[in-house]
């Protein structure tokens, strides 16, 4: 709900989803502490696709489910059995989603992640770092490495085919970390092919105050 250029960041994400024909609905998951604010926000929307708000029933950082935990929660609650597109709410990027979705669909039944190439290698240490082979398959992934091997970082943007939803449930059952999505990608790539799509243009992770400040100044 943080604003950039007079609009909540989630508005930019919703605009991109609204423009992709393959997306037939939007689900926003938040917690009990903030659900009221999102209900108020939803009343301001003027889009054709249905938007569903889901309260994950947590109230603080202490009991939060984590990013993967929230995905698992929604899959279970909605009994989902179709492909899903997952976008972290702290993503602000200039590119559209159509090419990403087309690429991801072409790689089914494998999953696809969104990647962005940073200018500074050392900045990559704050993110999940990836390397791709010539087929755009993820061959290396490490969450927040002290010495990054690549400038390619994960954007918390995932296309998960229906056949892979069960893997999220499996991941949760074995008690792995449910917060950092990169840990799931590292686990997933050793079990099945996982592909990476590199976004062009600008990208800001507004979970970091430094990048939020930059976004307010430069994002267009």
C-alpha atoms as a PDB file:
ATOM      1  CA  UNK A   1       0.000   0.000   0.000  1.00  0.00           C
ATOM      2  CA  UNK A   2       3.040   2.287  -0.006  1.00  0.00           C
ATOM      3  CA  UNK A   3       2.642   4.967  -2.638  1.00  0.00           C
ATOM      4  CA  UNK A   4       4.847   5.828  -5.603  1.00  0.00           C
ATOM      5  CA  UNK A   5       3.878   8.746  -7.825  1.00  0.00           C
ATOM      6  CA  UNK A   6       0.574   9.111  -5.981  1.00  0.00           C
ATOM      7  CA  UNK A   7      -0.587   5.489  -6.313  1.00  0.00           C
ATOM      8  CA  UNK A   8      -0.292   2.430  -4.050  1.00  0.00           C
ATOM      9  CA  UNK A   9       2.250  -0.011  -5.472  1.00  0.00           C
ATOM     10  CA  UNK A  10      -0.387  -2.738  -5.621  1.00  0.00           C
ATOM     11  CA  UNK A  11      -2.276  -0.637  -8.200  1.00  0.00           C
ATOM     12  CA  UNK A  12       0.621  -0.999 -10.638  1.00  0.00           C
ATOM     13  CA  UNK A  13       0.607  -4.783 -10.146  1.00  0.00           C
ATOM     14  CA  UNK A  14      -3.154  -5.019 -10.639  1.00  0.00           C
ATOM     15  CA  UNK A  15      -2.920  -2.938 -13.831  1.00  0.00           C
ATOM     16  CA  UNK A  16      -0.414  -5.416 -15.257  1.00  0.00           C
ATOM     17  CA  UNK A  17      -2.588  -8.404 -14.311  1.00  0.00           C
ATOM     18  CA  UNK A  18      -5.678  -6.761 -15.783  1.00  0.00           C
ATOM     19  CA  UNK A  19      -3.938  -6.527 -19.177  1.00  0.00           C
ATOM     20  CA  UNK A  20      -3.095 -10.261 -19.410  1.00  0.00           C
ATOM     21  CA  UNK A  21      -5.965 -12.247 -21.017  1.00  0.00           C
ATOM     22  CA  UNK A  22      -4.808 -15.529 -19.451  1.00  0.00           C
ATOM     23  CA  UNK A  23      -5.371 -14.141 -15.946  1.00  0.00           C
ATOM     24  CA  UNK A  24      -9.026 -14.747 -15.046  1.00  0.00           C
ATOM     25  CA  UNK A  25      -8.975 -13.499 -11.459  1.00  0.00           C
ATOM     26  CA  UNK A  26      -6.815 -11.784  -8.851  1.00  0.00           C
ATOM     27  CA  UNK A  27      -6.330 -12.933  -5.253  1.00  0.00           C
ATOM     28  CA  UNK A  28      -4.731 -10.619  -2.703  1.00  0.00           C
ATOM     29  CA  UNK A  29      -3.587 -12.255   0.522  1.00  0.00           C
ATOM     30  CA  UNK A  30      -2.781 -10.190   3.595  1.00  0.00           C
ATOM     31  CA  UNK A  31      -3.120 -10.577   7.360  1.00  0.00           C
ATOM     32  CA  UNK A  32      -5.715  -9.713   9.992  1.00  0.00           C
ATOM     33  CA  UNK A  33      -3.851  -6.535  10.909  1.00  0.00           C
ATOM     34  CA  UNK A  34      -4.149  -4.998   7.444  1.00  0.00           C
ATOM     35  CA  UNK A  35      -7.211  -6.639   5.875  1.00  0.00           C
ATOM     36  CA  UNK A  36      -9.422  -3.615   6.658  1.00  0.00           C
ATOM     37  CA  UNK A  37      -7.105  -1.299   4.690  1.00  0.00           C
ATOM     38  CA  UNK A  38      -7.221  -3.623   1.705  1.00  0.00           C
ATOM     39  CA  UNK A  39     -11.022  -3.777   1.839  1.00  0.00           C
ATOM     40  CA  UNK A  40     -11.066   0.003   1.655  1.00  0.00           C
ATOM     41  CA  UNK A  41      -8.544  -0.097  -1.220  1.00  0.00           C
ATOM     42  CA  UNK A  42     -10.616  -2.633  -3.142  1.00  0.00           C
ATOM     43  CA  UNK A  43     -13.545  -0.203  -3.272  1.00  0.00           C
ATOM     44  CA  UNK A  44     -11.376   2.168  -5.324  1.00  0.00           C
ATOM     45  CA  UNK A  45     -10.676  -0.372  -8.081  1.00  0.00           C
ATOM     46  CA  UNK A  46     -12.115   0.056 -11.547  1.00  0.00           C
ATOM     47  CA  UNK A  47     -11.175  -3.184 -13.299  1.00  0.00           C
ATOM     48  CA  UNK A  48     -13.068  -6.008 -14.984  1.00  0.00           C
ATOM     49  CA  UNK A  49     -11.301  -8.995 -13.434  1.00  0.00           C
ATOM     50  CA  UNK A  50     -12.688 -10.225 -10.103  1.00  0.00           C
ATOM     51  CA  UNK A  51     -10.541  -9.441  -7.041  1.00  0.00           C
ATOM     52  CA  UNK A  52     -10.717 -11.646  -3.953  1.00  0.00           C
ATOM     53  CA  UNK A  53      -9.179 -10.598  -0.627  1.00  0.00           C
ATOM     54  CA  UNK A  54      -7.994 -13.334   1.730  1.00  0.00           C
ATOM     55  CA  UNK A  55      -7.056 -12.895   5.388  1.00  0.00           C
ATOM     56  CA  UNK A  56      -4.362 -15.413   6.331  1.00  0.00           C
ATOM     57  CA  UNK A  57      -5.490 -15.058   9.987  1.00  0.00           C
ATOM     58  CA  UNK A  58      -2.126 -13.879  11.320  1.00  0.00           C
ATOM     59  CA  UNK A  59      -1.529 -10.629  13.173  1.00  0.00           C
ATOM     60  CA  UNK A  60       2.229 -10.060  13.530  1.00  0.00           C
ATOM     61  CA  UNK A  61       5.723 -11.061  12.381  1.00  0.00           C
ATOM     62  CA  UNK A  62       5.762 -13.633  15.159  1.00  0.00           C
ATOM     63  CA  UNK A  63       2.950 -15.762  13.743  1.00  0.00           C
ATOM     64  CA  UNK A  64       3.219 -14.860  10.043  1.00  0.00           C
ATOM     65  CA  UNK A  65       3.020 -17.678   7.528  1.00  0.00           C
ATOM     66  CA  UNK A  66       5.758 -16.382   5.233  1.00  0.00           C
ATOM     67  CA  UNK A  67       5.534 -15.898   1.470  1.00  0.00           C
ATOM     68  CA  UNK A  68       5.421 -19.597   0.565  1.00  0.00           C
ATOM     69  CA  UNK A  69       3.216 -20.242   3.569  1.00  0.00           C
ATOM     70  CA  UNK A  70       0.694 -17.721   2.251  1.00  0.00           C
ATOM     71  CA  UNK A  71       0.737 -19.337  -1.195  1.00  0.00           C
ATOM     72  CA  UNK A  72       0.111 -22.739   0.385  1.00  0.00           C
ATOM     73  CA  UNK A  73      -2.676 -21.241   2.519  1.00  0.00           C
ATOM     74  CA  UNK A  74      -4.496 -19.810  -0.513  1.00  0.00           C
ATOM     75  CA  UNK A  75      -4.083 -23.009  -2.550  1.00  0.00           C
ATOM     76  CA  UNK A  76      -5.622 -25.006   0.280  1.00  0.00           C
ATOM     77  CA  UNK A  77      -8.375 -22.511   1.142  1.00  0.00           C
ATOM     78  CA  UNK A  78      -9.475 -22.006  -2.463  1.00  0.00           C
ATOM     79  CA  UNK A  79      -8.879 -25.651  -3.432  1.00  0.00           C
ATOM     80  CA  UNK A  80      -6.944 -24.433  -6.436  1.00  0.00           C
ATOM     81  CA  UNK A  81      -6.291 -26.837  -9.286  1.00  0.00           C
ATOM     82  CA  UNK A  82      -5.153 -24.480 -12.029  1.00  0.00           C
ATOM     83  CA  UNK A  83      -2.002 -22.621 -13.035  1.00  0.00           C
ATOM     84  CA  UNK A  84      -1.218 -19.666 -10.782  1.00  0.00           C
ATOM     85  CA  UNK A  85       0.868 -16.520 -11.171  1.00  0.00           C
ATOM     86  CA  UNK A  86       2.413 -15.296  -7.909  1.00  0.00           C
ATOM     87  CA  UNK A  87       3.680 -11.723  -7.497  1.00  0.00           C
ATOM     88  CA  UNK A  88       5.194 -10.365  -4.288  1.00  0.00           C
ATOM     89  CA  UNK A  89       3.543  -7.120  -3.224  1.00  0.00           C
ATOM     90  CA  UNK A  90       6.890  -5.332  -2.936  1.00  0.00           C
ATOM     91  CA  UNK A  91       7.571  -5.575  -6.677  1.00  0.00           C
ATOM     92  CA  UNK A  92       7.541  -2.416  -8.755  1.00  0.00           C
ATOM     93  CA  UNK A  93       8.671  -2.863 -12.354  1.00  0.00           C
ATOM     94  CA  UNK A  94       8.177  -1.126 -15.679  1.00  0.00           C
ATOM     95  CA  UNK A  95       7.777  -4.145 -17.944  1.00  0.00           C
ATOM     96  CA  UNK A  96       4.522  -5.944 -18.709  1.00  0.00           C
ATOM     97  CA  UNK A  97       3.599  -9.538 -17.878  1.00  0.00           C
ATOM     98  CA  UNK A  98       2.385 -10.828 -21.254  1.00  0.00           C
ATOM     99  CA  UNK A  99       5.780 -12.032 -22.518  1.00  0.00           C
ATOM    100  CA  UNK A 100       6.568 -13.591 -19.143  1.00  0.00           C
ATOM    101  CA  UNK A 101       3.292 -15.521 -19.152  1.00  0.00           C
ATOM    102  CA  UNK A 102       3.769 -16.635 -22.779  1.00  0.00           C
ATOM    103  CA  UNK A 103       7.278 -17.875 -21.967  1.00  0.00           C
ATOM    104  CA  UNK A 104       6.092 -19.661 -18.826  1.00  0.00           C
ATOM    105  CA  UNK A 105       3.213 -21.365 -20.632  1.00  0.00           C
ATOM    106  CA  UNK A 106       5.649 -22.617 -23.275  1.00  0.00           C
ATOM    107  CA  UNK A 107       7.718 -24.275 -20.537  1.00  0.00           C
ATOM    108  CA  UNK A 108       4.875 -26.126 -18.815  1.00  0.00           C
ATOM    109  CA  UNK A 109       4.781 -28.437 -16.883  1.00  0.00           C
ATOM    110  CA  UNK A 110       7.912 -26.737 -15.482  1.00  0.00           C
ATOM    111  CA  UNK A 111       7.696 -23.651 -13.257  1.00  0.00           C
ATOM    112  CA  UNK A 112       9.128 -20.277 -14.312  1.00  0.00           C
ATOM    113  CA  UNK A 113      10.539 -17.453 -12.194  1.00  0.00           C
ATOM    114  CA  UNK A 114      10.989 -13.778 -13.008  1.00  0.00           C
ATOM    115  CA  UNK A 115      14.569 -12.491 -12.888  1.00  0.00           C
ATOM    116  CA  UNK A 116      16.224  -9.097 -13.154  1.00  0.00           C
ATOM    117  CA  UNK A 117      19.865  -8.283 -13.926  1.00  0.00           C
ATOM    118  CA  UNK A 118      21.319  -5.781 -11.461  1.00  0.00           C
ATOM    119  CA  UNK A 119      24.066  -3.334 -12.356  1.00  0.00           C
ATOM    120  CA  UNK A 120      26.142  -4.007  -9.234  1.00  0.00           C
ATOM    121  CA  UNK A 121      27.184  -7.585  -8.440  1.00  0.00           C
ATOM    122  CA  UNK A 122      27.471  -6.938  -4.713  1.00  0.00           C
ATOM    123  CA  UNK A 123      23.873  -5.667  -4.538  1.00  0.00           C
ATOM    124  CA  UNK A 124      22.823  -9.180  -5.506  1.00  0.00           C
ATOM    125  CA  UNK A 125      23.809 -10.396  -2.037  1.00  0.00           C
ATOM    126  CA  UNK A 126      20.487  -9.045  -0.744  1.00  0.00           C
ATOM    127  CA  UNK A 127      18.438 -11.323  -3.017  1.00  0.00           C
ATOM    128  CA  UNK A 128      18.078 -14.836  -4.342  1.00  0.00           C
ATOM    129  CA  UNK A 129      20.790 -15.181  -7.011  1.00  0.00           C
ATOM    130  CA  UNK A 130      20.373 -17.324 -10.134  1.00  0.00           C
ATOM    131  CA  UNK A 131      22.306 -18.538 -13.143  1.00  0.00           C
ATOM    132  CA  UNK A 132      20.732 -19.892 -16.323  1.00  0.00           C
ATOM    133  CA  UNK A 133      21.899 -22.263 -19.036  1.00  0.00           C
ATOM    134  CA  UNK A 134      21.341 -21.671 -22.759  1.00  0.00           C
ATOM    135  CA  UNK A 135      17.814 -23.056 -22.498  1.00  0.00           C
ATOM    136  CA  UNK A 136      16.996 -20.459 -19.785  1.00  0.00           C
ATOM    137  CA  UNK A 137      16.850 -23.245 -17.217  1.00  0.00           C
ATOM    138  CA  UNK A 138      17.902 -22.386 -13.659  1.00  0.00           C
ATOM    139  CA  UNK A 139      21.126 -24.258 -12.959  1.00  0.00           C
ATOM    140  CA  UNK A 140      22.167 -22.367  -9.827  1.00  0.00           C
ATOM    141  CA  UNK A 141      20.230 -20.601  -7.125  1.00  0.00           C
ATOM    142  CA  UNK A 142      21.348 -19.277  -3.748  1.00  0.00           C
ATOM    143  CA  UNK A 143      19.448 -17.122  -1.284  1.00  0.00           C
ATOM    144  CA  UNK A 144      21.343 -13.974  -0.202  1.00  0.00           C
ATOM    145  CA  UNK A 145      24.905 -15.238  -0.792  1.00  0.00           C
ATOM    146  CA  UNK A 146      27.795 -13.288   0.732  1.00  0.00           C
ATOM    147  CA  UNK A 147      29.661 -13.590  -2.576  1.00  0.00           C
ATOM    148  CA  UNK A 148      27.139 -13.618  -5.462  1.00  0.00           C
ATOM    149  CA  UNK A 149      28.054 -15.578  -8.582  1.00  0.00           C
ATOM    150  CA  UNK A 150      25.653 -13.671 -10.808  1.00  0.00           C
ATOM    151  CA  UNK A 151      23.870 -10.339 -11.186  1.00  0.00           C
ATOM    152  CA  UNK A 152      20.615 -12.153 -11.951  1.00  0.00           C
ATOM    153  CA  UNK A 153      18.241 -11.965  -8.983  1.00  0.00           C
ATOM    154  CA  UNK A 154      14.754 -13.314  -8.307  1.00  0.00           C
ATOM    155  CA  UNK A 155      11.907 -10.792  -8.271  1.00  0.00           C
ATOM    156  CA  UNK A 156       9.385 -12.814  -6.249  1.00  0.00           C
ATOM    157  CA  UNK A 157       7.437 -13.452  -9.421  1.00  0.00           C
ATOM    158  CA  UNK A 158       6.496 -17.030 -10.248  1.00  0.00           C
ATOM    159  CA  UNK A 159       4.381 -18.973 -12.708  1.00  0.00           C
ATOM    160  CA  UNK A 160       3.364 -22.248 -11.084  1.00  0.00           C
ATOM    161  CA  UNK A 161       1.557 -24.807 -13.292  1.00  0.00           C
ATOM    162  CA  UNK A 162      -1.277 -26.791 -11.746  1.00  0.00           C
ATOM    163  CA  UNK A 163       0.839 -29.935 -11.664  1.00  0.00           C
ATOM    164  CA  UNK A 164       3.401 -28.206  -9.436  1.00  0.00           C
ATOM    165  CA  UNK A 165       0.981 -27.043  -6.743  1.00  0.00           C
ATOM    166  CA  UNK A 166       1.432 -30.318  -4.887  1.00  0.00           C
ATOM    167  CA  UNK A 167       5.154 -29.564  -4.584  1.00  0.00           C
ATOM    168  CA  UNK A 168       4.368 -26.477  -2.507  1.00  0.00           C
ATOM    169  CA  UNK A 169       2.361 -28.641  -0.116  1.00  0.00           C
ATOM    170  CA  UNK A 170       5.237 -31.131  -0.012  1.00  0.00           C
ATOM    171  CA  UNK A 171       7.714 -28.326   0.734  1.00  0.00           C
ATOM    172  CA  UNK A 172       5.587 -27.097   3.636  1.00  0.00           C
ATOM    173  CA  UNK A 173       5.228 -30.587   5.082  1.00  0.00           C
ATOM    174  CA  UNK A 174       8.971 -31.146   5.357  1.00  0.00           C
ATOM    175  CA  UNK A 175       9.310 -28.011   7.484  1.00  0.00           C
ATOM    176  CA  UNK A 176      11.515 -25.887   5.219  1.00  0.00           C
ATOM    177  CA  UNK A 177      11.685 -22.093   5.586  1.00  0.00           C
ATOM    178  CA  UNK A 178       8.407 -20.650   4.340  1.00  0.00           C
ATOM    179  CA  UNK A 179       9.391 -16.970   4.333  1.00  0.00           C
ATOM    180  CA  UNK A 180      12.197 -16.502   1.805  1.00  0.00           C
ATOM    181  CA  UNK A 181      10.801 -17.681  -1.532  1.00  0.00           C
ATOM    182  CA  UNK A 182      14.334 -18.270  -2.791  1.00  0.00           C
ATOM    183  CA  UNK A 183      14.705 -21.252  -0.472  1.00  0.00           C
ATOM    184  CA  UNK A 184      11.743 -22.864  -2.216  1.00  0.00           C
ATOM    185  CA  UNK A 185      13.213 -22.207  -5.679  1.00  0.00           C
ATOM    186  CA  UNK A 186      16.533 -23.741  -4.621  1.00  0.00           C
ATOM    187  CA  UNK A 187      14.652 -26.814  -3.380  1.00  0.00           C
ATOM    188  CA  UNK A 188      12.426 -26.977  -6.471  1.00  0.00           C
ATOM    189  CA  UNK A 189      15.149 -26.787  -9.125  1.00  0.00           C
ATOM    190  CA  UNK A 190      16.754 -29.985  -7.801  1.00  0.00           C
ATOM    191  CA  UNK A 191      13.469 -31.843  -8.316  1.00  0.00           C
ATOM    192  CA  UNK A 192      12.328 -30.627 -11.703  1.00  0.00           C
ATOM    193  CA  UNK A 193      13.305 -28.220 -14.465  1.00  0.00           C
ATOM    194  CA  UNK A 194      12.715 -24.606 -13.460  1.00  0.00           C
ATOM    195  CA  UNK A 195      13.115 -21.775 -15.968  1.00  0.00           C
ATOM    196  CA  UNK A 196      14.010 -18.104 -15.661  1.00  0.00           C
ATOM    197  CA  UNK A 197      12.641 -15.156 -17.617  1.00  0.00           C
ATOM    198  CA  UNK A 198      14.741 -11.976 -17.531  1.00  0.00           C
ATOM    199  CA  UNK A 199      12.743  -8.736 -17.276  1.00  0.00           C
ATOM    200  CA  UNK A 200      14.008  -5.576 -18.961  1.00  0.00           C
ATOM    201  CA  UNK A 201      13.382  -1.973 -18.001  1.00  0.00           C
ATOM    202  CA  UNK A 202      13.381  -0.921 -14.351  1.00  0.00           C
ATOM    203  CA  UNK A 203      12.672  -2.903 -11.174  1.00  0.00           C
ATOM    204  CA  UNK A 204      12.518  -1.784  -7.568  1.00  0.00           C
ATOM    205  CA  UNK A 205      12.208  -3.969  -4.477  1.00  0.00           C
ATOM    206  CA  UNK A 206      10.376  -1.484  -2.295  1.00  0.00           C
ATOM    207  CA  UNK A 207      10.804  -3.685   0.776  1.00  0.00           C
ATOM    208  CA  UNK A 208      14.159  -1.897   0.994  1.00  0.00           C
ATOM    209  CA  UNK A 209      13.778   1.787   1.940  1.00  0.00           C
ATOM    210  CA  UNK A 210      16.707   2.695  -0.318  1.00  0.00           C
ATOM    211  CA  UNK A 211      14.931   1.343  -3.382  1.00  0.00           C
ATOM    212  CA  UNK A 212      11.593   2.828  -2.350  1.00  0.00           C
ATOM    213  CA  UNK A 213      13.280   6.243  -2.288  1.00  0.00           C
ATOM    214  CA  UNK A 214      14.728   5.617  -5.758  1.00  0.00           C
ATOM    215  CA  UNK A 215      11.360   4.472  -7.075  1.00  0.00           C
ATOM    216  CA  UNK A 216       9.666   7.640  -5.858  1.00  0.00           C
ATOM    217  CA  UNK A 217      12.245   9.650  -7.747  1.00  0.00           C
ATOM    218  CA  UNK A 218      12.782   7.683 -10.963  1.00  0.00           C
ATOM    219  CA  UNK A 219       9.875   5.279 -11.595  1.00  0.00           C
ATOM    220  CA  UNK A 220       7.741   6.215 -14.581  1.00  0.00           C
END
